[in-house]
């Protein structure tokens, strides 16, 4: 019997009688908690994209416009030179047709 008591006392002494609280795992955040932050990020990125796109298009437009103006000026000069040549040819032909022989023809 004494042996039993000794063994029981050993068992009792080895036990820890503290209260163990259940451990709480950290709560995972939901996507709905980040909706405002995601919205702000999206708005900032889209507005930045649109501003940069507008600036790029304006610069591209100015560059293309200057090239097209030069090309149109060259074409206008070329057309004017052709018109002047044809005008000179027409005057030359008319001056030849105004000879006295051409006046004798009725038809």
PDB file of N, CA and C in Angstrom:
ATOM      1  N   UNK A   1       0.790  -1.166   0.000  1.00  0.00           N
ATOM      2  CA  UNK A   1       0.000   0.000   0.000  1.00  0.00           C
ATOM      3  C   UNK A   1       0.854   1.260   0.000  1.00  0.00           C
ATOM      4  N   UNK A   2       1.917   1.221   0.689  1.00  0.00           N
ATOM      5  CA  UNK A   2       2.813   2.364   0.732  1.00  0.00           C
ATOM      6  C   UNK A   2       3.397   2.594  -0.653  1.00  0.00           C
ATOM      7  N   UNK A   3       3.675   1.545  -1.282  1.00  0.00           N
ATOM      8  CA  UNK A   3       4.191   1.687  -2.651  1.00  0.00           C
ATOM      9  C   UNK A   3       3.182   2.402  -3.548  1.00  0.00           C
ATOM     10  N   UNK A   4       1.964   2.086  -3.323  1.00  0.00           N
ATOM     11  CA  UNK A   4       0.930   2.725  -4.112  1.00  0.00           C
ATOM     12  C   UNK A   4       0.856   4.210  -3.820  1.00  0.00           C
ATOM     13  N   UNK A   5       0.925   4.551  -2.599  1.00  0.00           N
ATOM     14  CA  UNK A   5       0.872   5.964  -2.247  1.00  0.00           C
ATOM     15  C   UNK A   5       2.068   6.728  -2.811  1.00  0.00           C
ATOM     16  N   UNK A   6       3.195   6.090  -2.766  1.00  0.00           N
ATOM     17  CA  UNK A   6       4.399   6.730  -3.300  1.00  0.00           C
ATOM     18  C   UNK A   6       4.244   6.936  -4.801  1.00  0.00           C
ATOM     19  N   UNK A   7       3.788   5.940  -5.454  1.00  0.00           N
ATOM     20  CA  UNK A   7       3.624   6.088  -6.900  1.00  0.00           C
ATOM     21  C   UNK A   7       2.559   7.122  -7.229  1.00  0.00           C
ATOM     22  N   UNK A   8       1.514   7.183  -6.443  1.00  0.00           N
ATOM     23  CA  UNK A   8       0.481   8.184  -6.671  1.00  0.00           C
ATOM     24  C   UNK A   8       1.015   9.581  -6.412  1.00  0.00           C
ATOM     25  N   UNK A   9       1.795   9.727  -5.422  1.00  0.00           N
ATOM     26  CA  UNK A   9       2.355  11.039  -5.139  1.00  0.00           C
ATOM     27  C   UNK A   9       3.287  11.503  -6.248  1.00  0.00           C
ATOM     28  N   UNK A  10       4.004  10.562  -6.816  1.00  0.00           N
ATOM     29  CA  UNK A  10       4.867  10.906  -7.958  1.00  0.00           C
ATOM     30  C   UNK A  10       4.028  11.359  -9.155  1.00  0.00           C
ATOM     31  N   UNK A  11       2.959  10.693  -9.355  1.00  0.00           N
ATOM     32  CA  UNK A  11       2.094  11.040 -10.483  1.00  0.00           C
ATOM     33  C   UNK A  11       1.475  12.419 -10.254  1.00  0.00           C
ATOM     34  N   UNK A  12       1.009  12.642  -9.065  1.00  0.00           N
ATOM     35  CA  UNK A  12       0.367  13.906  -8.758  1.00  0.00           C
ATOM     36  C   UNK A  12       1.367  15.046  -8.844  1.00  0.00           C
ATOM     37  N   UNK A  13       2.551  14.820  -8.410  1.00  0.00           N
ATOM     38  CA  UNK A  13       3.548  15.882  -8.453  1.00  0.00           C
ATOM     39  C   UNK A  13       3.993  16.217  -9.871  1.00  0.00           C
ATOM     40  N   UNK A  14       3.889  15.273 -10.757  1.00  0.00           N
ATOM     41  CA  UNK A  14       4.308  15.517 -12.136  1.00  0.00           C
ATOM     42  C   UNK A  14       3.268  16.316 -12.925  1.00  0.00           C
ATOM     43  N   UNK A  15       2.078  16.328 -12.458  1.00  0.00           N
ATOM     44  CA  UNK A  15       1.023  17.019 -13.189  1.00  0.00           C
ATOM     45  C   UNK A  15       1.110  18.526 -12.963  1.00  0.00           C
ATOM     46  N   UNK A  16       0.771  19.250 -13.960  1.00  0.00           N
ATOM     47  CA  UNK A  16       0.701  20.711 -13.850  1.00  0.00           C
ATOM     48  C   UNK A  16      -0.763  21.081 -13.892  1.00  0.00           C
ATOM     49  N   UNK A  17      -1.186  21.770 -12.922  1.00  0.00           N
ATOM     50  CA  UNK A  17      -2.589  22.129 -12.843  1.00  0.00           C
ATOM     51  C   UNK A  17      -2.797  23.592 -13.246  1.00  0.00           C
ATOM     52  N   UNK A  18      -2.324  23.953 -14.381  1.00  0.00           N
ATOM     53  CA  UNK A  18      -2.557  25.307 -14.871  1.00  0.00           C
ATOM     54  C   UNK A  18      -3.673  25.262 -15.906  1.00  0.00           C
ATOM     55  N   UNK A  19      -4.323  26.360 -16.040  1.00  0.00           N
ATOM     56  CA  UNK A  19      -5.418  26.429 -17.003  1.00  0.00           C
ATOM     57  C   UNK A  19      -4.821  26.811 -18.360  1.00  0.00           C
ATOM     58  N   UNK A  20      -5.108  25.990 -19.337  1.00  0.00           N
ATOM     59  CA  UNK A  20      -4.630  26.258 -20.695  1.00  0.00           C
ATOM     60  C   UNK A  20      -5.768  26.878 -21.494  1.00  0.00           C
ATOM     61  N   UNK A  21      -5.511  28.072 -21.985  1.00  0.00           N
ATOM     62  CA  UNK A  21      -6.499  28.748 -22.809  1.00  0.00           C
ATOM     63  C   UNK A  21      -6.337  28.283 -24.249  1.00  0.00           C
ATOM     64  N   UNK A  22      -7.415  28.168 -24.957  1.00  0.00           N
ATOM     65  CA  UNK A  22      -7.272  27.766 -26.361  1.00  0.00           C
ATOM     66  C   UNK A  22      -6.569  28.879 -27.147  1.00  0.00           C
ATOM     67  N   UNK A  23      -5.652  28.472 -27.985  1.00  0.00           N
ATOM     68  CA  UNK A  23      -4.911  29.460 -28.777  1.00  0.00           C
ATOM     69  C   UNK A  23      -5.795  29.936 -29.928  1.00  0.00           C
ATOM     70  N   UNK A  24      -5.793  31.215 -30.125  1.00  0.00           N
ATOM     71  CA  UNK A  24      -6.579  31.778 -31.215  1.00  0.00           C
ATOM     72  C   UNK A  24      -5.655  32.026 -32.398  1.00  0.00           C
ATOM     73  N   UNK A  25      -6.053  31.488 -33.526  1.00  0.00           N
ATOM     74  CA  UNK A  25      -5.275  31.708 -34.739  1.00  0.00           C
ATOM     75  C   UNK A  25      -5.563  33.120 -35.240  1.00  0.00           C
ATOM     76  N   UNK A  26      -4.583  33.732 -35.862  1.00  0.00           N
ATOM     77  CA  UNK A  26      -4.832  35.090 -36.364  1.00  0.00           C
ATOM     78  C   UNK A  26      -5.938  35.066 -37.421  1.00  0.00           C
ATOM     79  N   UNK A  27      -6.774  36.051 -37.365  1.00  0.00           N
ATOM     80  CA  UNK A  27      -7.905  36.128 -38.290  1.00  0.00           C
ATOM     81  C   UNK A  27      -7.389  36.586 -39.650  1.00  0.00           C
ATOM     82  N   UNK A  28      -7.745  35.827 -40.673  1.00  0.00           N
ATOM     83  CA  UNK A  28      -7.322  36.190 -42.025  1.00  0.00           C
ATOM     84  C   UNK A  28      -8.201  37.335 -42.526  1.00  0.00           C
ATOM     85  N   UNK A  29      -7.582  38.327 -43.132  1.00  0.00           N
ATOM     86  CA  UNK A  29      -8.390  39.447 -43.633  1.00  0.00           C
ATOM     87  C   UNK A  29      -9.180  39.029 -44.868  1.00  0.00           C
ATOM     88  N   UNK A  30     -10.318  39.632 -45.035  1.00  0.00           N
ATOM     89  CA  UNK A  30     -11.161  39.360 -46.190  1.00  0.00           C
ATOM     90  C   UNK A  30     -10.859  40.379 -47.284  1.00  0.00           C
ATOM     91  N   UNK A  31     -11.214  40.011 -48.482  1.00  0.00           N
ATOM     92  CA  UNK A  31     -10.979  40.917 -49.610  1.00  0.00           C
ATOM     93  C   UNK A  31     -11.815  42.184 -49.454  1.00  0.00           C
ATOM     94  N   UNK A  32     -12.971  42.049 -48.860  1.00  0.00           N
ATOM     95  CA  UNK A  32     -13.834  43.224 -48.699  1.00  0.00           C
ATOM     96  C   UNK A  32     -13.190  44.287 -47.812  1.00  0.00           C
ATOM     97  N   UNK A  33     -12.278  43.888 -46.958  1.00  0.00           N
ATOM     98  CA  UNK A  33     -11.584  44.861 -46.119  1.00  0.00           C
ATOM     99  C   UNK A  33     -10.606  45.708 -46.928  1.00  0.00           C
ATOM    100  N   UNK A  34     -10.169  45.188 -48.072  1.00  0.00           N
ATOM    101  CA  UNK A  34      -9.204  45.899 -48.911  1.00  0.00           C
ATOM    102  C   UNK A  34      -9.865  46.574 -50.106  1.00  0.00           C
ATOM    103  N   UNK A  35     -11.172  46.586 -50.164  1.00  0.00           N
ATOM    104  CA  UNK A  35     -11.846  47.120 -51.351  1.00  0.00           C
ATOM    105  C   UNK A  35     -11.543  48.608 -51.548  1.00  0.00           C
ATOM    106  N   UNK A  36     -11.522  49.378 -50.490  1.00  0.00           N
ATOM    107  CA  UNK A  36     -11.242  50.815 -50.610  1.00  0.00           C
ATOM    108  C   UNK A  36      -9.802  51.048 -51.087  1.00  0.00           C
ATOM    109  N   UNK A  37      -8.867  50.287 -50.542  1.00  0.00           N
ATOM    110  CA  UNK A  37      -7.466  50.434 -50.956  1.00  0.00           C
ATOM    111  C   UNK A  37      -7.281  49.996 -52.406  1.00  0.00           C
ATOM    112  N   UNK A  38      -7.940  48.910 -52.802  1.00  0.00           N
ATOM    113  CA  UNK A  38      -7.845  48.460 -54.188  1.00  0.00           C
ATOM    114  C   UNK A  38      -8.468  49.484 -55.137  1.00  0.00           C
ATOM    115  N   UNK A  39      -9.573  50.060 -54.726  1.00  0.00           N
ATOM    116  CA  UNK A  39     -10.224  51.083 -55.545  1.00  0.00           C
ATOM    117  C   UNK A  39      -9.306  52.292 -55.723  1.00  0.00           C
ATOM    118  N   UNK A  40      -8.690  52.737 -54.642  1.00  0.00           N
ATOM    119  CA  UNK A  40      -7.780  53.891 -54.730  1.00  0.00           C
ATOM    120  C   UNK A  40      -6.592  53.586 -55.625  1.00  0.00           C
ATOM    121  N   UNK A  41      -6.016  52.393 -55.484  1.00  0.00           N
ATOM    122  CA  UNK A  41      -4.878  52.005 -56.322  1.00  0.00           C
ATOM    123  C   UNK A  41      -5.279  51.968 -57.791  1.00  0.00           C
ATOM    124  N   UNK A  42      -6.443  51.406 -58.057  1.00  0.00           N
ATOM    125  CA  UNK A  42      -6.924  51.334 -59.428  1.00  0.00           C
ATOM    126  C   UNK A  42      -7.156  52.726 -60.010  1.00  0.00           C
ATOM    127  N   UNK A  43      -7.747  53.612 -59.243  1.00  0.00           N
ATOM    128  CA  UNK A  43      -8.014  54.963 -59.732  1.00  0.00           C
ATOM    129  C   UNK A  43      -6.718  55.735 -59.991  1.00  0.00           C
ATOM    130  N   UNK A  44      -5.758  55.589 -59.114  1.00  0.00           N
ATOM    131  CA  UNK A  44      -4.474  56.278 -59.304  1.00  0.00           C
ATOM    132  C   UNK A  44      -3.772  55.750 -60.542  1.00  0.00           C
ATOM    133  N   UNK A  45      -3.764  54.421 -60.714  1.00  0.00           N
ATOM    134  CA  UNK A  45      -3.072  53.854 -61.869  1.00  0.00           C
ATOM    135  C   UNK A  45      -3.769  54.234 -63.174  1.00  0.00           C
ATOM    136  N   UNK A  46      -5.091  54.216 -63.194  1.00  0.00           N
ATOM    137  CA  UNK A  46      -5.808  54.581 -64.416  1.00  0.00           C
ATOM    138  C   UNK A  46      -5.641  56.059 -64.760  1.00  0.00           C
ATOM    139  N   UNK A  47      -5.701  56.905 -63.757  1.00  0.00           N
ATOM    140  CA  UNK A  47      -5.532  58.332 -64.043  1.00  0.00           C
ATOM    141  C   UNK A  47      -4.111  58.625 -64.529  1.00  0.00           C
ATOM    142  N   UNK A  48      -3.122  57.959 -63.952  1.00  0.00           N
ATOM    143  CA  UNK A  48      -1.742  58.126 -64.419  1.00  0.00           C
ATOM    144  C   UNK A  48      -1.606  57.657 -65.858  1.00  0.00           C
ATOM    145  N   UNK A  49      -2.211  56.511 -66.174  1.00  0.00           N
ATOM    146  CA  UNK A  49      -2.155  55.987 -67.535  1.00  0.00           C
ATOM    147  C   UNK A  49      -2.785  56.967 -68.517  1.00  0.00           C
ATOM    148  N   UNK A  50      -3.963  57.485 -68.181  1.00  0.00           N
ATOM    149  CA  UNK A  50      -4.643  58.396 -69.095  1.00  0.00           C
ATOM    150  C   UNK A  50      -3.873  59.698 -69.287  1.00  0.00           C
ATOM    151  N   UNK A  51      -3.306  60.223 -68.242  1.00  0.00           N
ATOM    152  CA  UNK A  51      -2.533  61.467 -68.362  1.00  0.00           C
ATOM    153  C   UNK A  51      -1.310  61.239 -69.245  1.00  0.00           C
ATOM    154  N   UNK A  52      -0.589  60.149 -69.000  1.00  0.00           N
ATOM    155  CA  UNK A  52       0.593  59.868 -69.817  1.00  0.00           C
ATOM    156  C   UNK A  52       0.209  59.574 -71.264  1.00  0.00           C
ATOM    157  N   UNK A  53      -0.915  58.914 -71.465  1.00  0.00           N
ATOM    158  CA  UNK A  53      -1.372  58.626 -72.819  1.00  0.00           C
ATOM    159  C   UNK A  53      -1.732  59.913 -73.554  1.00  0.00           C
ATOM    160  N   UNK A  54      -2.374  60.843 -72.880  1.00  0.00           N
ATOM    161  CA  UNK A  54      -2.722  62.126 -73.499  1.00  0.00           C
ATOM    162  C   UNK A  54      -1.463  62.908 -73.861  1.00  0.00           C
ATOM    163  N   UNK A  55      -0.493  62.926 -72.967  1.00  0.00           N
ATOM    164  CA  UNK A  55       0.761  63.641 -73.239  1.00  0.00           C
ATOM    165  C   UNK A  55       1.474  63.018 -74.433  1.00  0.00           C
ATOM    166  N   UNK A  56       1.533  61.685 -74.466  1.00  0.00           N
ATOM    167  CA  UNK A  56       2.197  60.998 -75.577  1.00  0.00           C
ATOM    168  C   UNK A  56       1.486  61.296 -76.894  1.00  0.00           C
ATOM    169  N   UNK A  57       0.161  61.217 -76.903  1.00  0.00           N
ATOM    170  CA  UNK A  57      -0.582  61.476 -78.138  1.00  0.00           C
ATOM    171  C   UNK A  57      -0.406  62.914 -78.608  1.00  0.00           C
ATOM    172  N   UNK A  58      -0.343  63.851 -77.688  1.00  0.00           N
ATOM    173  CA  UNK A  58      -0.140  65.251 -78.073  1.00  0.00           C
ATOM    174  C   UNK A  58       1.239  65.435 -78.713  1.00  0.00           C
ATOM    175  N   UNK A  59       2.268  64.834 -78.112  1.00  0.00           N
ATOM    176  CA  UNK A  59       3.607  64.936 -78.694  1.00  0.00           C
ATOM    177  C   UNK A  59       3.667  64.252 -80.055  1.00  0.00           C
ATOM    178  N   UNK A  60       3.040  63.102 -80.164  1.00  0.00           N
ATOM    179  CA  UNK A  60       3.016  62.388 -81.436  1.00  0.00           C
ATOM    180  C   UNK A  60       2.265  63.203 -82.489  1.00  0.00           C
ATOM    181  N   UNK A  61       1.172  63.821 -82.095  1.00  0.00           N
ATOM    182  CA  UNK A  61       0.385  64.641 -83.012  1.00  0.00           C
ATOM    183  C   UNK A  61       1.211  65.817 -83.522  1.00  0.00           C
ATOM    184  N   UNK A  62       1.918  66.483 -82.635  1.00  0.00           N
ATOM    185  CA  UNK A  62       2.739  67.630 -83.049  1.00  0.00           C
ATOM    186  C   UNK A  62       3.818  67.202 -84.029  1.00  0.00           C
ATOM    187  N   UNK A  63       4.428  66.058 -83.780  1.00  0.00           N
ATOM    188  CA  UNK A  63       5.481  65.576 -84.672  1.00  0.00           C
ATOM    189  C   UNK A  63       4.912  65.222 -86.044  1.00  0.00           C
ATOM    190  N   UNK A  64       3.807  64.508 -86.063  1.00  0.00           N
ATOM    191  CA  UNK A  64       3.199  64.108 -87.332  1.00  0.00           C
ATOM    192  C   UNK A  64       2.669  65.330 -88.073  1.00  0.00           C
ATOM    193  N   UNK A  65       2.115  66.277 -87.341  1.00  0.00           N
ATOM    194  CA  UNK A  65       1.587  67.488 -87.965  1.00  0.00           C
ATOM    195  C   UNK A  65       2.693  68.273 -88.667  1.00  0.00           C
ATOM    196  N   UNK A  66       3.847  68.396 -88.030  1.00  0.00           N
ATOM    197  CA  UNK A  66       4.945  69.135 -88.661  1.00  0.00           C
ATOM    198  C   UNK A  66       5.429  68.421 -89.924  1.00  0.00           C
ATOM    199  N   UNK A  67       5.492  67.091 -89.880  1.00  0.00           N
ATOM    200  CA  UNK A  67       5.907  66.344 -91.074  1.00  0.00           C
ATOM    201  C   UNK A  67       4.898  66.519 -92.205  1.00  0.00           C
ATOM    202  N   UNK A  68       3.619  66.456 -91.859  1.00  0.00           N
ATOM    203  CA  UNK A  68       2.592  66.589 -92.888  1.00  0.00           C
ATOM    204  C   UNK A  68       2.533  68.004 -93.458  1.00  0.00           C
ATOM    205  N   UNK A  69       2.790  69.002 -92.655  1.00  0.00           N
ATOM    206  CA  UNK A  69       2.831  70.375 -93.165  1.00  0.00           C
ATOM    207  C   UNK A  69       3.960  70.548 -94.174  1.00  0.00           C
ATOM    208  N   UNK A  70       5.125  69.989 -93.857  1.00  0.00           N
ATOM    209  CA  UNK A  70       6.239  70.068 -94.806  1.00  0.00           C
ATOM    210  C   UNK A  70       5.898  69.349 -96.109  1.00  0.00           C
ATOM    211  N   UNK A  71       5.302  68.183 -95.983  1.00  0.00           N
ATOM    212  CA  UNK A  71       4.952  67.416 -97.177  1.00  0.00           C
ATOM    213  C   UNK A  71       3.901  68.151 -98.005  1.00  0.00           C
ATOM    214  N   UNK A  72       2.907  68.739 -97.352  1.00  0.00           N
ATOM    215  CA  UNK A  72       1.870  69.470 -98.088  1.00  0.00           C
ATOM    216  C   UNK A  72       2.453  70.710 -98.766  1.00  0.00           C
ATOM    217  N   UNK A  73       3.387  71.373 -98.107  1.00  0.00           N
ATOM    218  CA  UNK A  73       4.035  72.546 -98.716  1.00  0.00           C
ATOM    219  C   UNK A  73       4.817  72.137 -99.963  1.00  0.00           C
ATOM    220  N   UNK A  74       5.524  71.022 -99.878  1.00  0.00           N
ATOM    221  CA  UNK A  74       6.261  70.533-101.050  1.00  0.00           C
ATOM    222  C   UNK A  74       5.305  70.201-102.195  1.00  0.00           C
ATOM    223  N   UNK A  75       4.205  69.538-101.865  1.00  0.00           N
ATOM    224  CA  UNK A  75       3.243  69.176-102.905  1.00  0.00           C
ATOM    225  C   UNK A  75       2.574  70.414-103.503  1.00  0.00           C
ATOM    226  N   UNK A  76       2.274  71.399-102.697  1.00  0.00           N
ATOM    227  CA  UNK A  76       1.691  72.639-103.217  1.00  0.00           C
ATOM    228  C   UNK A  76       2.656  73.347-104.156  1.00  0.00           C
ATOM    229  N   UNK A  77       3.921  73.375-103.794  1.00  0.00           N
ATOM    230  CA  UNK A  77       4.926  73.990-104.673  1.00  0.00           C
ATOM    231  C   UNK A  77       5.035  73.233-105.989  1.00  0.00           C
ATOM    232  N   UNK A  78       4.979  71.916-105.895  1.00  0.00           N
ATOM    233  CA  UNK A  78       5.067  71.101-107.105  1.00  0.00           C
ATOM    234  C   UNK A  78       3.845  71.337-108.000  1.00  0.00           C
ATOM    235  N   UNK A  79       2.680  71.399-107.402  1.00  0.00           N
ATOM    236  CA  UNK A  79       1.456  71.652-108.167  1.00  0.00           C
ATOM    237  C   UNK A  79       1.501  73.040-108.802  1.00  0.00           C
ATOM    238  N   UNK A  80       1.955  74.018-108.052  1.00  0.00           N
ATOM    239  CA  UNK A  80       2.036  75.383-108.587  1.00  0.00           C
ATOM    240  C   UNK A  80       3.010  75.450-109.759  1.00  0.00           C
ATOM    241  N   UNK A  81       4.118  74.741-109.656  1.00  0.00           N
ATOM    242  CA  UNK A  81       5.078  74.741-110.771  1.00  0.00           C
ATOM    243  C   UNK A  81       4.475  74.071-112.003  1.00  0.00           C
ATOM    244  N   UNK A  82       3.708  72.990-111.801  1.00  0.00           N
ATOM    245  CA  UNK A  82       3.049  72.338-112.942  1.00  0.00           C
ATOM    246  C   UNK A  82       1.989  73.251-113.571  1.00  0.00           C
ATOM    247  N   UNK A  83       1.258  73.945-112.745  1.00  0.00           N
ATOM    248  CA  UNK A  83       0.243  74.875-113.260  1.00  0.00           C
ATOM    249  C   UNK A  83       0.913  76.002-114.049  1.00  0.00           C
ATOM    250  N   UNK A  84       2.006  76.508-113.555  1.00  0.00           N
ATOM    251  CA  UNK A  84       2.728  77.571-114.269  1.00  0.00           C
ATOM    252  C   UNK A  84       3.253  77.078-115.609  1.00  0.00           C
ATOM    253  N   UNK A  85       3.774  75.861-115.626  1.00  0.00           N
ATOM    254  CA  UNK A  85       4.272  75.308-116.895  1.00  0.00           C
ATOM    255  C   UNK A  85       3.136  75.155-117.903  1.00  0.00           C
ATOM    256  N   UNK A  86       2.014  74.623-117.443  1.00  0.00           N
ATOM    257  CA  UNK A  86       0.876  74.440-118.351  1.00  0.00           C
ATOM    258  C   UNK A  86       0.332  75.794-118.832  1.00  0.00           C
ATOM    259  N   UNK A  87       0.368  76.762-117.990  1.00  0.00           N
ATOM    260  CA  UNK A  87      -0.081  78.097-118.375  1.00  0.00           C
ATOM    261  C   UNK A  87       0.827  78.678-119.454  1.00  0.00           C
ATOM    262  N   UNK A  88       2.112  78.492-119.288  1.00  0.00           N
ATOM    263  CA  UNK A  88       3.055  78.974-120.309  1.00  0.00           C
ATOM    264  C   UNK A  88       2.843  78.246-121.630  1.00  0.00           C
ATOM    265  N   UNK A  89       2.632  76.936-121.554  1.00  0.00           N
ATOM    266  CA  UNK A  89       2.395  76.167-122.785  1.00  0.00           C
ATOM    267  C   UNK A  89       1.109  76.630-123.470  1.00  0.00           C
ATOM    268  N   UNK A  90       0.093  76.874-122.683  1.00  0.00           N
ATOM    269  CA  UNK A  90      -1.177  77.325-123.237  1.00  0.00           C
ATOM    270  C   UNK A  90      -1.029  78.700-123.897  1.00  0.00           C
ATOM    271  N   UNK A  91      -0.307  79.584-123.275  1.00  0.00           N
ATOM    272  CA  UNK A  91      -0.074  80.904-123.866  1.00  0.00           C
ATOM    273  C   UNK A  91       0.728  80.792-125.153  1.00  0.00           C
ATOM    274  N   UNK A  92       1.682  79.888-125.145  1.00  0.00           N
ATOM    275  CA  UNK A  92       2.484  79.680-126.348  1.00  0.00           C
ATOM    276  C   UNK A  92       1.619  79.130-127.478  1.00  0.00           C
ATOM    277  N   UNK A  93       0.764  78.186-127.154  1.00  0.00           N
ATOM    278  CA  UNK A  93      -0.123  77.613-128.173  1.00  0.00           C
ATOM    279  C   UNK A  93      -1.112  78.671-128.669  1.00  0.00           C
ATOM    280  N   UNK A  94      -1.624  79.460-127.785  1.00  0.00           N
ATOM    281  CA  UNK A  94      -2.569  80.505-128.186  1.00  0.00           C
ATOM    282  C   UNK A  94      -1.888  81.570-129.042  1.00  0.00           C
ATOM    283  N   UNK A  95      -0.671  81.867-128.723  1.00  0.00           N
ATOM    284  CA  UNK A  95       0.031  82.859-129.542  1.00  0.00           C
ATOM    285  C   UNK A  95       0.295  82.324-130.949  1.00  0.00           C
ATOM    286  N   UNK A  96       0.532  81.040-131.060  1.00  0.00           N
ATOM    287  CA  UNK A  96       0.725  80.458-132.389  1.00  0.00           C
ATOM    288  C   UNK A  96      -0.591  80.420-133.152  1.00  0.00           C
ATOM    289  N   UNK A  97      -1.658  80.182-132.458  1.00  0.00           N
ATOM    290  CA  UNK A  97      -2.970  80.115-133.117  1.00  0.00           C
ATOM    291  C   UNK A  97      -3.483  81.495-133.517  1.00  0.00           C
ATOM    292  N   UNK A  98      -2.949  82.534-133.011  1.00  0.00           N
ATOM    293  CA  UNK A  98      -3.396  83.879-133.348  1.00  0.00           C
ATOM    294  C   UNK A  98      -2.695  84.436-134.592  1.00  0.00           C
ATOM    295  N   UNK A  99      -2.092  83.588-135.281  1.00  0.00           N
ATOM    296  CA  UNK A  99      -1.477  84.068-136.525  1.00  0.00           C
ATOM    297  C   UNK A  99      -2.591  84.451-137.521  1.00  0.00           C
ATOM    298  N   UNK A 100      -2.222  85.146-138.573  1.00  0.00           N
ATOM    299  CA  UNK A 100      -3.222  85.660-139.507  1.00  0.00           C
ATOM    300  C   UNK A 100      -3.880  84.545-140.298  1.00  0.00           C
ATOM    301  N   UNK A 101      -3.212  83.393-140.413  1.00  0.00           N
ATOM    302  CA  UNK A 101      -3.815  82.276-141.152  1.00  0.00           C
ATOM    303  C   UNK A 101      -4.962  81.677-140.345  1.00  0.00           C
ATOM    304  N   UNK A 102      -4.763  81.585-139.062  1.00  0.00           N
ATOM    305  CA  UNK A 102      -5.826  81.009-138.228  1.00  0.00           C
ATOM    306  C   UNK A 102      -7.076  81.883-138.226  1.00  0.00           C
ATOM    307  N   UNK A 103      -6.931  83.170-138.505  1.00  0.00           N
ATOM    308  CA  UNK A 103      -8.091  84.060-138.555  1.00  0.00           C
ATOM    309  C   UNK A 103      -8.914  83.842-139.817  1.00  0.00           C
ATOM    310  N   UNK A 104      -8.297  83.302-140.822  1.00  0.00           N
ATOM    311  CA  UNK A 104      -9.017  83.049-142.063  1.00  0.00           C
ATOM    312  C   UNK A 104      -9.902  81.814-141.970  1.00  0.00           C
ATOM    313  N   UNK A 105      -9.598  80.964-141.049  1.00  0.00           N
ATOM    314  CA  UNK A 105     -10.398  79.746-140.901  1.00  0.00           C
ATOM    315  C   UNK A 105     -11.673  80.076-140.136  1.00  0.00           C
ATOM    316  N   UNK A 106     -12.759  79.582-140.637  1.00  0.00           N
ATOM    317  CA  UNK A 106     -14.026  79.823-139.966  1.00  0.00           C
ATOM    318  C   UNK A 106     -14.477  78.646-139.133  1.00  0.00           C
ATOM    319  N   UNK A 107     -13.982  77.568-139.405  1.00  0.00           N
ATOM    320  CA  UNK A 107     -14.372  76.382-138.636  1.00  0.00           C
ATOM    321  C   UNK A 107     -13.217  75.649-138.086  1.00  0.00           C
TER     322      UNK A 107
END
